[in-house]
Amino acid sequence: MSSQSPAERELAQLLVEALSLDDVDPASIDPEAALFNAGLGLDSIDALELALAVGKRYGFQLRSDSEENRRIFASLRALSTHVEAHRA
């Protein structure tokens, strides 16, 4: 497992809080692992909740109809890279 950057650590904490993943330690989330299906096992409802939380925290919207979403939400690292590029 590769280690999390400070931005990834912050986002992992947000992810765990926003989705009430009480049994997940934010530090244990592999930044390269898939967030959906086999990875953390998130689903489309989780994606919406996470998008809202990211929007509130970082001041920009993740659009549900974006064709980029599969890439953006691929992993903690991909999401963190996107957040860092677009945060207000």
PDB file of N, CA and C in Angstrom:
ATOM      1  N   MET A   1       0.840  -1.183   0.000  1.00  0.00           N
ATOM      2  CA  MET A   1       0.000   0.000   0.000  1.00  0.00           C
ATOM      3  C   MET A   1       0.883   1.243   0.000  1.00  0.00           C
ATOM      4  N   SER A   2       0.595   2.183  -0.883  1.00  0.00           N
ATOM      5  CA  SER A   2       1.375   3.411  -0.889  1.00  0.00           C
ATOM      6  C   SER A   2       0.825   4.351   0.178  1.00  0.00           C
ATOM      7  N   SER A   3       1.671   5.237   0.665  1.00  0.00           N
ATOM      8  CA  SER A   3       1.242   6.112   1.753  1.00  0.00           C
ATOM      9  C   SER A   3       0.465   7.310   1.217  1.00  0.00           C
ATOM     10  N   GLN A   4      -0.383   7.852   2.081  1.00  0.00           N
ATOM     11  CA  GLN A   4      -1.221   8.985   1.711  1.00  0.00           C
ATOM     12  C   GLN A   4      -0.446  10.294   1.842  1.00  0.00           C
ATOM     13  N   SER A   5      -0.712  11.209   0.914  1.00  0.00           N
ATOM     14  CA  SER A   5      -0.178  12.561   1.037  1.00  0.00           C
ATOM     15  C   SER A   5      -1.043  13.295   2.065  1.00  0.00           C
ATOM     16  N   PRO A   6      -0.600  14.461   2.545  1.00  0.00           N
ATOM     17  CA  PRO A   6      -1.446  15.224   3.478  1.00  0.00           C
ATOM     18  C   PRO A   6      -2.834  15.534   2.890  1.00  0.00           C
ATOM     19  N   ALA A   7      -2.905  15.878   1.608  1.00  0.00           N
ATOM     20  CA  ALA A   7      -4.195  16.170   0.971  1.00  0.00           C
ATOM     21  C   ALA A   7      -5.060  14.914   0.916  1.00  0.00           C
ATOM     22  N   GLU A   8      -4.461  13.770   0.645  1.00  0.00           N
ATOM     23  CA  GLU A   8      -5.200  12.500   0.600  1.00  0.00           C
ATOM     24  C   GLU A   8      -5.702  12.121   1.990  1.00  0.00           C
ATOM     25  N   ARG A   9      -4.878  12.390   3.012  1.00  0.00           N
ATOM     26  CA  ARG A   9      -5.282  12.102   4.391  1.00  0.00           C
ATOM     27  C   ARG A   9      -6.510  12.927   4.766  1.00  0.00           C
ATOM     28  N   GLU A  10      -6.489  14.211   4.414  1.00  0.00           N
ATOM     29  CA  GLU A  10      -7.616  15.102   4.699  1.00  0.00           C
ATOM     30  C   GLU A  10      -8.882  14.614   3.982  1.00  0.00           C
ATOM     31  N   LEU A  11      -8.729  14.221   2.732  1.00  0.00           N
ATOM     32  CA  LEU A  11      -9.862  13.742   1.942  1.00  0.00           C
ATOM     33  C   LEU A  11     -10.377  12.395   2.466  1.00  0.00           C
ATOM     34  N   ALA A  12      -9.483  11.530   2.892  1.00  0.00           N
ATOM     35  CA  ALA A  12      -9.889  10.244   3.470  1.00  0.00           C
ATOM     36  C   ALA A  12     -10.721  10.468   4.730  1.00  0.00           C
ATOM     37  N   GLN A  13     -10.310  11.424   5.539  1.00  0.00           N
ATOM     38  CA  GLN A  13     -11.064  11.755   6.755  1.00  0.00           C
ATOM     39  C   GLN A  13     -12.458  12.267   6.382  1.00  0.00           C
ATOM     40  N   LEU A  14     -12.533  13.138   5.385  1.00  0.00           N
ATOM     41  CA  LEU A  14     -13.820  13.659   4.915  1.00  0.00           C
ATOM     42  C   LEU A  14     -14.703  12.516   4.403  1.00  0.00           C
ATOM     43  N   LEU A  15     -14.118  11.621   3.635  1.00  0.00           N
ATOM     44  CA  LEU A  15     -14.847  10.488   3.064  1.00  0.00           C
ATOM     45  C   LEU A  15     -15.455   9.627   4.177  1.00  0.00           C
ATOM     46  N   VAL A  16     -14.653   9.295   5.174  1.00  0.00           N
ATOM     47  CA  VAL A  16     -15.125   8.451   6.275  1.00  0.00           C
ATOM     48  C   VAL A  16     -16.232   9.162   7.055  1.00  0.00           C
ATOM     49  N   GLU A  17     -16.069  10.475   7.314  1.00  0.00           N
ATOM     50  CA  GLU A  17     -17.075  11.227   8.061  1.00  0.00           C
ATOM     51  C   GLU A  17     -18.357  11.395   7.246  1.00  0.00           C
ATOM     52  N   ALA A  18     -18.230  11.799   5.989  1.00  0.00           N
ATOM     53  CA  ALA A  18     -19.397  12.088   5.150  1.00  0.00           C
ATOM     54  C   ALA A  18     -20.244  10.845   4.911  1.00  0.00           C
ATOM     55  N   LEU A  19     -19.594   9.687   4.811  1.00  0.00           N
ATOM     56  CA  LEU A  19     -20.313   8.454   4.507  1.00  0.00           C
ATOM     57  C   LEU A  19     -20.561   7.581   5.739  1.00  0.00           C
ATOM     58  N   SER A  20     -20.222   8.123   6.910  1.00  0.00           N
ATOM     59  CA  SER A  20     -20.410   7.406   8.177  1.00  0.00           C
ATOM     60  C   SER A  20     -19.823   5.994   8.125  1.00  0.00           C
ATOM     61  N   LEU A  21     -18.592   5.903   7.652  1.00  0.00           N
ATOM     62  CA  LEU A  21     -17.895   4.607   7.566  1.00  0.00           C
ATOM     63  C   LEU A  21     -17.180   4.360   8.896  1.00  0.00           C
ATOM     64  N   ASP A  22     -17.978   4.089   9.922  1.00  0.00           N
ATOM     65  CA  ASP A  22     -17.457   3.988  11.279  1.00  0.00           C
ATOM     66  C   ASP A  22     -16.390   2.921  11.461  1.00  0.00           C
ATOM     67  N   ASP A  23     -16.432   1.886  10.634  1.00  0.00           N
ATOM     68  CA  ASP A  23     -15.478   0.786  10.788  1.00  0.00           C
ATOM     69  C   ASP A  23     -14.250   0.945   9.889  1.00  0.00           C
ATOM     70  N   VAL A  24     -14.094   2.122   9.261  1.00  0.00           N
ATOM     71  CA  VAL A  24     -12.953   2.353   8.372  1.00  0.00           C
ATOM     72  C   VAL A  24     -12.044   3.415   8.974  1.00  0.00           C
ATOM     73  N   ASP A  25     -10.773   3.073   9.119  1.00  0.00           N
ATOM     74  CA  ASP A  25      -9.765   4.033   9.573  1.00  0.00           C
ATOM     75  C   ASP A  25      -9.302   4.814   8.342  1.00  0.00           C
ATOM     76  N   PRO A  26      -9.469   6.157   8.348  1.00  0.00           N
ATOM     77  CA  PRO A  26      -9.063   6.936   7.167  1.00  0.00           C
ATOM     78  C   PRO A  26      -7.624   6.659   6.731  1.00  0.00           C
ATOM     79  N   ALA A  27      -6.743   6.434   7.705  1.00  0.00           N
ATOM     80  CA  ALA A  27      -5.336   6.185   7.385  1.00  0.00           C
ATOM     81  C   ALA A  27      -5.122   4.841   6.701  1.00  0.00           C
ATOM     82  N   SER A  28      -6.118   3.947   6.805  1.00  0.00           N
ATOM     83  CA  SER A  28      -5.968   2.615   6.211  1.00  0.00           C
ATOM     84  C   SER A  28      -6.420   2.563   4.752  1.00  0.00           C
ATOM     85  N   ILE A  29      -6.980   3.660   4.244  1.00  0.00           N
ATOM     86  CA  ILE A  29      -7.454   3.670   2.860  1.00  0.00           C
ATOM     87  C   ILE A  29      -6.259   3.792   1.916  1.00  0.00           C
ATOM     88  N   ASP A  30      -6.079   2.802   1.088  1.00  0.00           N
ATOM     89  CA  ASP A  30      -4.991   2.816   0.107  1.00  0.00           C
ATOM     90  C   ASP A  30      -5.342   3.855  -0.950  1.00  0.00           C
ATOM     91  N   PRO A  31      -4.488   4.875  -1.148  1.00  0.00           N
ATOM     92  CA  PRO A  31      -4.821   5.939  -2.098  1.00  0.00           C
ATOM     93  C   PRO A  31      -4.945   5.453  -3.542  1.00  0.00           C
ATOM     94  N   GLU A  32      -4.395   4.270  -3.829  1.00  0.00           N
ATOM     95  CA  GLU A  32      -4.455   3.727  -5.188  1.00  0.00           C
ATOM     96  C   GLU A  32      -5.638   2.775  -5.395  1.00  0.00           C
ATOM     97  N   ALA A  33      -6.263   2.343  -4.293  1.00  0.00           N
ATOM     98  CA  ALA A  33      -7.336   1.343  -4.378  1.00  0.00           C
ATOM     99  C   ALA A  33      -8.627   1.968  -4.904  1.00  0.00           C
ATOM    100  N   ALA A  34      -9.424   1.144  -5.551  1.00  0.00           N
ATOM    101  CA  ALA A  34     -10.715   1.601  -6.070  1.00  0.00           C
ATOM    102  C   ALA A  34     -11.622   2.027  -4.918  1.00  0.00           C
ATOM    103  N   LEU A  35     -12.378   3.101  -5.127  1.00  0.00           N
ATOM    104  CA  LEU A  35     -13.341   3.527  -4.114  1.00  0.00           C
ATOM    105  C   LEU A  35     -14.640   2.746  -4.234  1.00  0.00           C
ATOM    106  N   PHE A  36     -14.955   2.284  -5.446  1.00  0.00           N
ATOM    107  CA  PHE A  36     -16.230   1.608  -5.685  1.00  0.00           C
ATOM    108  C   PHE A  36     -16.004   0.121  -5.925  1.00  0.00           C
ATOM    109  N   ASN A  37     -17.089  -0.624  -5.846  1.00  0.00           N
ATOM    110  CA  ASN A  37     -17.074  -2.064  -6.087  1.00  0.00           C
ATOM    111  C   ASN A  37     -16.070  -2.770  -5.188  1.00  0.00           C
ATOM    112  N   ALA A  38     -15.053  -3.386  -5.758  1.00  0.00           N
ATOM    113  CA  ALA A  38     -14.136  -4.229  -4.990  1.00  0.00           C
ATOM    114  C   ALA A  38     -13.335  -3.455  -3.949  1.00  0.00           C
ATOM    115  N   GLY A  39     -13.061  -2.168  -4.206  1.00  0.00           N
ATOM    116  CA  GLY A  39     -12.247  -1.385  -3.276  1.00  0.00           C
ATOM    117  C   GLY A  39     -12.954  -1.164  -1.950  1.00  0.00           C
ATOM    118  N   LEU A  40     -13.367   0.070  -1.693  1.00  0.00           N
ATOM    119  CA  LEU A  40     -14.090   0.387  -0.465  1.00  0.00           C
ATOM    120  C   LEU A  40     -15.546  -0.072  -0.530  1.00  0.00           C
ATOM    121  N   GLY A  41     -16.001  -0.444  -1.716  1.00  0.00           N
ATOM    122  CA  GLY A  41     -17.361  -0.934  -1.851  1.00  0.00           C
ATOM    123  C   GLY A  41     -18.417   0.156  -1.855  1.00  0.00           C
ATOM    124  N   LEU A  42     -18.042   1.364  -2.230  1.00  0.00           N
ATOM    125  CA  LEU A  42     -19.011   2.455  -2.288  1.00  0.00           C
ATOM    126  C   LEU A  42     -19.968   2.251  -3.458  1.00  0.00           C
ATOM    127  N   ASP A  43     -21.126   2.909  -3.384  1.00  0.00           N
ATOM    128  CA  ASP A  43     -22.106   2.812  -4.468  1.00  0.00           C
ATOM    129  C   ASP A  43     -22.471   4.220  -4.967  1.00  0.00           C
ATOM    130  N   SER A  44     -23.436   4.300  -5.863  1.00  0.00           N
ATOM    131  CA  SER A  44     -23.776   5.581  -6.488  1.00  0.00           C
ATOM    132  C   SER A  44     -24.324   6.593  -5.480  1.00  0.00           C
ATOM    133  N   ILE A  45     -25.040   6.125  -4.466  1.00  0.00           N
ATOM    134  CA  ILE A  45     -25.536   7.036  -3.429  1.00  0.00           C
ATOM    135  C   ILE A  45     -24.352   7.616  -2.656  1.00  0.00           C
ATOM    136  N   ASP A  46     -23.370   6.765  -2.355  1.00  0.00           N
ATOM    137  CA  ASP A  46     -22.157   7.246  -1.684  1.00  0.00           C
ATOM    138  C   ASP A  46     -21.457   8.297  -2.531  1.00  0.00           C
ATOM    139  N   ALA A  47     -21.434   8.089  -3.840  1.00  0.00           N
ATOM    140  CA  ALA A  47     -20.785   9.041  -4.746  1.00  0.00           C
ATOM    141  C   ALA A  47     -21.457  10.406  -4.651  1.00  0.00           C
ATOM    142  N   LEU A  48     -22.793  10.422  -4.610  1.00  0.00           N
ATOM    143  CA  LEU A  48     -23.518  11.687  -4.487  1.00  0.00           C
ATOM    144  C   LEU A  48     -23.216  12.371  -3.162  1.00  0.00           C
ATOM    145  N   GLU A  49     -23.230  11.600  -2.081  1.00  0.00           N
ATOM    146  CA  GLU A  49     -22.946  12.167  -0.765  1.00  0.00           C
ATOM    147  C   GLU A  49     -21.515  12.694  -0.694  1.00  0.00           C
ATOM    148  N   LEU A  50     -20.590  11.955  -1.263  1.00  0.00           N
ATOM    149  CA  LEU A  50     -19.197  12.363  -1.269  1.00  0.00           C
ATOM    150  C   LEU A  50     -19.005  13.630  -2.107  1.00  0.00           C
ATOM    151  N   ALA A  51     -19.678  13.691  -3.252  1.00  0.00           N
ATOM    152  CA  ALA A  51     -19.600  14.873  -4.111  1.00  0.00           C
ATOM    153  C   ALA A  51     -20.115  16.113  -3.373  1.00  0.00           C
ATOM    154  N   LEU A  52     -21.209  15.966  -2.623  1.00  0.00           N
ATOM    155  CA  LEU A  52     -21.749  17.082  -1.841  1.00  0.00           C
ATOM    156  C   LEU A  52     -20.764  17.521  -0.755  1.00  0.00           C
ATOM    157  N   ALA A  53     -20.186  16.550  -0.062  1.00  0.00           N
ATOM    158  CA  ALA A  53     -19.235  16.857   1.014  1.00  0.00           C
ATOM    159  C   ALA A  53     -17.993  17.555   0.461  1.00  0.00           C
ATOM    160  N   VAL A  54     -17.508  17.077  -0.673  1.00  0.00           N
ATOM    161  CA  VAL A  54     -16.334  17.690  -1.309  1.00  0.00           C
ATOM    162  C   VAL A  54     -16.673  19.128  -1.721  1.00  0.00           C
ATOM    163  N   GLY A  55     -17.877  19.313  -2.285  1.00  0.00           N
ATOM    164  CA  GLY A  55     -18.309  20.644  -2.692  1.00  0.00           C
ATOM    165  C   GLY A  55     -18.362  21.622  -1.540  1.00  0.00           C
ATOM    166  N   LYS A  56     -18.923  21.165  -0.408  1.00  0.00           N
ATOM    167  CA  LYS A  56     -19.009  22.027   0.774  1.00  0.00           C
ATOM    168  C   LYS A  56     -17.631  22.367   1.316  1.00  0.00           C
ATOM    169  N   ARG A  57     -16.776  21.357   1.404  1.00  0.00           N
ATOM    170  CA  ARG A  57     -15.463  21.547   2.017  1.00  0.00           C
ATOM    171  C   ARG A  57     -14.519  22.355   1.127  1.00  0.00           C
ATOM    172  N   TYR A  58     -14.539  22.092  -0.175  1.00  0.00           N
ATOM    173  CA  TYR A  58     -13.516  22.663  -1.046  1.00  0.00           C
ATOM    174  C   TYR A  58     -14.027  23.754  -1.983  1.00  0.00           C
ATOM    175  N   GLY A  59     -15.342  24.023  -1.971  1.00  0.00           N
ATOM    176  CA  GLY A  59     -15.870  25.169  -2.680  1.00  0.00           C
ATOM    177  C   GLY A  59     -16.005  25.033  -4.186  1.00  0.00           C
ATOM    178  N   PHE A  60     -16.223  23.844  -4.678  1.00  0.00           N
ATOM    179  CA  PHE A  60     -16.531  23.665  -6.101  1.00  0.00           C
ATOM    180  C   PHE A  60     -17.437  22.458  -6.255  1.00  0.00           C
ATOM    181  N   GLN A  61     -18.186  22.414  -7.358  1.00  0.00           N
ATOM    182  CA  GLN A  61     -19.150  21.330  -7.553  1.00  0.00           C
ATOM    183  C   GLN A  61     -18.589  20.227  -8.425  1.00  0.00           C
ATOM    184  N   LEU A  62     -18.899  19.015  -8.032  1.00  0.00           N
ATOM    185  CA  LEU A  62     -18.658  17.837  -8.870  1.00  0.00           C
ATOM    186  C   LEU A  62     -20.003  17.523  -9.505  1.00  0.00           C
ATOM    187  N   ARG A  63     -20.096  17.616 -10.795  1.00  0.00           N
ATOM    188  CA  ARG A  63     -21.374  17.426 -11.483  1.00  0.00           C
ATOM    189  C   ARG A  63     -21.680  15.945 -11.691  1.00  0.00           C
ATOM    190  N   SER A  64     -22.915  15.573 -11.403  1.00  0.00           N
ATOM    191  CA  SER A  64     -23.304  14.170 -11.520  1.00  0.00           C
ATOM    192  C   SER A  64     -23.325  13.692 -12.971  1.00  0.00           C
ATOM    193  N   ASP A  65     -23.462  14.626 -13.900  1.00  0.00           N
ATOM    194  CA  ASP A  65     -23.543  14.238 -15.311  1.00  0.00           C
ATOM    195  C   ASP A  65     -22.198  14.333 -16.040  1.00  0.00           C
ATOM    196  N   SER A  66     -21.125  14.541 -15.284  1.00  0.00           N
ATOM    197  CA  SER A  66     -19.807  14.672 -15.902  1.00  0.00           C
ATOM    198  C   SER A  66     -19.282  13.318 -16.375  1.00  0.00           C
ATOM    199  N   GLU A  67     -18.774  13.297 -17.582  1.00  0.00           N
ATOM    200  CA  GLU A  67     -18.176  12.065 -18.108  1.00  0.00           C
ATOM    201  C   GLU A  67     -16.844  11.767 -17.429  1.00  0.00           C
ATOM    202  N   GLU A  68     -16.313  12.736 -16.708  1.00  0.00           N
ATOM    203  CA  GLU A  68     -15.039  12.578 -16.006  1.00  0.00           C
ATOM    204  C   GLU A  68     -15.193  11.816 -14.684  1.00  0.00           C
ATOM    205  N   ASN A  69     -16.421  11.651 -14.204  1.00  0.00           N
ATOM    206  CA  ASN A  69     -16.624  11.106 -12.862  1.00  0.00           C
ATOM    207  C   ASN A  69     -15.975   9.751 -12.648  1.00  0.00           C
ATOM    208  N   ARG A  70     -16.024   8.885 -13.639  1.00  0.00           N
ATOM    209  CA  ARG A  70     -15.415   7.559 -13.470  1.00  0.00           C
ATOM    210  C   ARG A  70     -13.920   7.697 -13.170  1.00  0.00           C
ATOM    211  N   ARG A  71     -13.266   8.639 -13.843  1.00  0.00           N
ATOM    212  CA  ARG A  71     -11.841   8.875 -13.606  1.00  0.00           C
ATOM    213  C   ARG A  71     -11.626   9.596 -12.271  1.00  0.00           C
ATOM    214  N   ILE A  72     -12.435  10.633 -12.008  1.00  0.00           N
ATOM    215  CA  ILE A  72     -12.283  11.426 -10.786  1.00  0.00           C
ATOM    216  C   ILE A  72     -12.444  10.556  -9.542  1.00  0.00           C
ATOM    217  N   PHE A  73     -13.455   9.681  -9.535  1.00  0.00           N
ATOM    218  CA  PHE A  73     -13.752   8.853  -8.367  1.00  0.00           C
ATOM    219  C   PHE A  73     -13.087   7.479  -8.421  1.00  0.00           C
ATOM    220  N   ALA A  74     -12.120   7.301  -9.291  1.00  0.00           N
ATOM    221  CA  ALA A  74     -11.478   5.996  -9.434  1.00  0.00           C
ATOM    222  C   ALA A  74     -10.787   5.561  -8.145  1.00  0.00           C
ATOM    223  N   SER A  75     -10.142   6.502  -7.465  1.00  0.00           N
ATOM    224  CA  SER A  75      -9.406   6.186  -6.242  1.00  0.00           C
ATOM    225  C   SER A  75      -9.281   7.445  -5.400  1.00  0.00           C
ATOM    226  N   LEU A  76      -8.839   7.280  -4.181  1.00  0.00           N
ATOM    227  CA  LEU A  76      -8.592   8.425  -3.305  1.00  0.00           C
ATOM    228  C   LEU A  76      -7.570   9.363  -3.949  1.00  0.00           C
ATOM    229  N   ARG A  77      -6.546   8.794  -4.553  1.00  0.00           N
ATOM    230  CA  ARG A  77      -5.506   9.613  -5.176  1.00  0.00           C
ATOM    231  C   ARG A  77      -6.057  10.418  -6.356  1.00  0.00           C
ATOM    232  N   ALA A  78      -6.885   9.775  -7.195  1.00  0.00           N
ATOM    233  CA  ALA A  78      -7.470  10.479  -8.337  1.00  0.00           C
ATOM    234  C   ALA A  78      -8.387  11.607  -7.864  1.00  0.00           C
ATOM    235  N   LEU A  79      -9.191  11.340  -6.842  1.00  0.00           N
ATOM    236  CA  LEU A  79     -10.091  12.358  -6.306  1.00  0.00           C
ATOM    237  C   LEU A  79      -9.295  13.507  -5.698  1.00  0.00           C
ATOM    238  N   SER A  80      -8.256  13.178  -4.965  1.00  0.00           N
ATOM    239  CA  SER A  80      -7.411  14.196  -4.343  1.00  0.00           C
ATOM    240  C   SER A  80      -6.741  15.076  -5.395  1.00  0.00           C
ATOM    241  N   THR A  81      -6.263  14.475  -6.462  1.00  0.00           N
ATOM    242  CA  THR A  81      -5.635  15.226  -7.550  1.00  0.00           C
ATOM    243  C   THR A  81      -6.633  16.204  -8.156  1.00  0.00           C
ATOM    244  N   HIS A  82      -7.867  15.746  -8.364  1.00  0.00           N
ATOM    245  CA  HIS A  82      -8.914  16.591  -8.928  1.00  0.00           C
ATOM    246  C   HIS A  82      -9.260  17.741  -7.961  1.00  0.00           C
ATOM    247  N   VAL A  83      -9.393  17.423  -6.672  1.00  0.00           N
ATOM    248  CA  VAL A  83      -9.722  18.437  -5.666  1.00  0.00           C
ATOM    249  C   VAL A  83      -8.628  19.498  -5.626  1.00  0.00           C
ATOM    250  N   GLU A  84      -7.379  19.068  -5.593  1.00  0.00           N
ATOM    251  CA  GLU A  84      -6.274  20.026  -5.523  1.00  0.00           C
ATOM    252  C   GLU A  84      -6.238  20.951  -6.737  1.00  0.00           C
ATOM    253  N   ALA A  85      -6.647  20.448  -7.882  1.00  0.00           N
ATOM    254  CA  ALA A  85      -6.639  21.257  -9.105  1.00  0.00           C
ATOM    255  C   ALA A  85      -7.807  22.239  -9.164  1.00  0.00           C
ATOM    256  N   HIS A  86      -8.894  21.965  -8.428  1.00  0.00           N
ATOM    257  CA  HIS A  86     -10.118  22.772  -8.574  1.00  0.00           C
ATOM    258  C   HIS A  86     -10.587  23.481  -7.316  1.00  0.00           C
ATOM    259  N   ARG A  87      -9.931  23.262  -6.189  1.00  0.00           N
ATOM    260  CA  ARG A  87     -10.450  23.847  -4.959  1.00  0.00           C
ATOM    261  C   ARG A  87     -10.408  25.365  -5.012  1.00  0.00           C
ATOM    262  N   ALA A  88     -11.382  25.982  -4.341  1.00  0.00           N
ATOM    263  CA  ALA A  88     -11.523  27.445  -4.383  1.00  0.00           C
ATOM    264  C   ALA A  88     -10.489  28.113  -3.474  1.00  0.00           C
TER     265      ALA A  88
END
